Amino acid sequence: MVLPIVLLAINSVLGNVNQFISNVMQGIDKRDIEGNSEIRPGVYLRSLVLHTHLAELMFTIVYLSTMIPLILLFKGLGFVYYAVIGALISSLLAT
């Protein structure tokens, strides 16, 4: 039971740091973008907001694509809380 709790704590801290960085990046760029009366595609393509959204998309892809294999791996290794450990490791990899 100790391993899932440690993984959850690490995952929680990294998730909070990740969310803070994402908010800062979007907040800085939104302020810069708000100054323009018209947002052109080139402005968005060079913005930190787009990069933040792409990073969040990659987080989701890695998280979802590694979760089932990791759950099955930990089940095969005989861990009691294999689903919890697999999901937490998948989240850590994505972060």
Protein backbone atom coordinates (compact mmCIF):
# COMPACT_ATOMS: atom_id res chain seq x y z
CA MET A 1 0.00 0.00 0.00
CA VAL A 2 2.97 2.35 0.42
CA LEU A 3 3.94 2.37 -3.26
CA PRO A 4 0.57 3.68 -4.54
CA ILE A 5 0.52 6.42 -1.91
CA VAL A 6 4.07 7.54 -2.74
CA LEU A 7 3.27 7.51 -6.45
CA LEU A 8 0.08 9.48 -5.85
CA ALA A 9 1.95 12.11 -3.84
CA ILE A 10 4.65 12.50 -6.50
CA ASN A 11 2.04 12.60 -9.24
CA SER A 12 0.01 15.21 -7.38
CA VAL A 13 3.00 17.51 -6.88
CA LEU A 14 4.12 17.17 -10.50
CA GLY A 15 0.56 17.74 -11.70
CA ASN A 16 0.32 20.94 -9.68
CA VAL A 17 3.65 22.20 -11.03
CA ASN A 18 2.58 21.30 -14.57
CA GLN A 19 -0.74 23.14 -14.15
CA PHE A 20 1.01 26.20 -12.70
CA ILE A 21 3.43 26.37 -15.65
CA SER A 22 0.54 25.95 -18.09
CA ASN A 23 -1.42 28.76 -16.43
CA VAL A 24 1.59 31.08 -16.45
CA MET A 25 2.30 30.40 -20.12
CA GLN A 26 -1.30 30.99 -21.14
CA GLY A 27 -1.68 34.05 -18.91
CA ILE A 28 1.42 35.76 -20.30
CA ASP A 29 0.42 35.14 -23.89
CA LYS A 30 -3.25 36.01 -23.43
CA ARG A 31 -2.23 39.42 -22.16
CA ASP A 32 -0.06 39.95 -25.24
CA ILE A 33 -2.75 38.66 -27.60
CA GLU A 34 -5.47 40.84 -26.02
CA GLY A 35 -3.60 43.93 -27.20
CA ASN A 36 -4.27 43.01 -30.83
CA SER A 37 -7.65 43.99 -32.20
CA GLU A 38 -7.59 41.03 -34.57
CA ILE A 39 -6.04 37.64 -33.96
CA ARG A 40 -4.55 36.29 -37.13
CA PRO A 41 -3.61 32.61 -37.55
CA GLY A 42 0.10 33.50 -37.50
CA VAL A 43 -0.25 35.11 -34.07
CA TYR A 44 -1.89 31.99 -32.64
CA LEU A 45 0.60 29.65 -34.32
CA ARG A 46 3.51 31.49 -32.64
CA SER A 47 1.77 31.85 -29.28
CA LEU A 48 2.49 30.15 -26.00
CA VAL A 49 -1.21 29.33 -25.78
CA LEU A 50 -0.89 27.00 -28.79
CA HIS A 51 2.26 25.41 -27.34
CA THR A 52 0.48 24.88 -24.02
CA HIS A 53 -2.48 23.25 -25.72
CA LEU A 54 -0.18 20.99 -27.75
CA ALA A 55 1.67 19.99 -24.57
CA GLU A 56 -1.64 19.13 -22.89
CA LEU A 57 -2.64 17.10 -25.95
CA MET A 58 0.64 15.16 -25.78
CA PHE A 59 0.06 14.57 -22.05
CA THR A 60 -3.35 13.07 -22.86
CA ILE A 61 -2.03 10.89 -25.68
CA VAL A 62 0.84 9.47 -23.60
CA TYR A 63 -1.42 8.97 -20.58
CA LEU A 64 -4.11 7.10 -22.48
CA SER A 65 -1.77 5.06 -24.65
CA THR A 66 0.38 3.79 -21.78
CA MET A 67 -2.27 3.17 -19.13
CA ILE A 68 -3.62 -0.24 -20.26
CA PRO A 69 -0.19 -1.74 -21.07
CA LEU A 70 1.16 -0.62 -17.68
CA ILE A 71 -1.87 -1.96 -15.83
CA LEU A 72 -1.44 -5.32 -17.55
CA LEU A 73 2.31 -5.27 -16.85
CA PHE A 74 1.82 -4.69 -13.12
CA LYS A 75 -0.95 -7.29 -13.03
CA GLY A 76 1.42 -9.79 -14.64
CA LEU A 77 4.12 -8.91 -12.12
CA GLY A 78 1.72 -9.76 -9.30
CA PHE A 79 1.18 -6.33 -7.74
CA VAL A 80 -1.93 -6.14 -5.57
CA TYR A 81 -2.92 -2.62 -6.60
CA TYR A 82 -1.88 -3.08 -10.22
CA ALA A 83 -4.60 -0.78 -11.66
CA VAL A 84 -3.74 2.09 -9.34
CA ILE A 85 0.01 1.72 -9.85
CA GLY A 86 -0.38 1.39 -13.63
CA ALA A 87 -2.54 4.52 -13.87
CA LEU A 88 -0.20 6.53 -11.63
CA ILE A 89 2.93 5.47 -13.53
CA SER A 90 1.16 6.33 -16.79
CA SER A 91 0.36 9.78 -15.45
CA LEU A 92 3.94 10.26 -14.27
CA LEU A 93 5.27 9.31 -17.71
CA ALA A 94 2.90 11.77 -19.36
CA THR A 95 3.85 14.57 -16.98
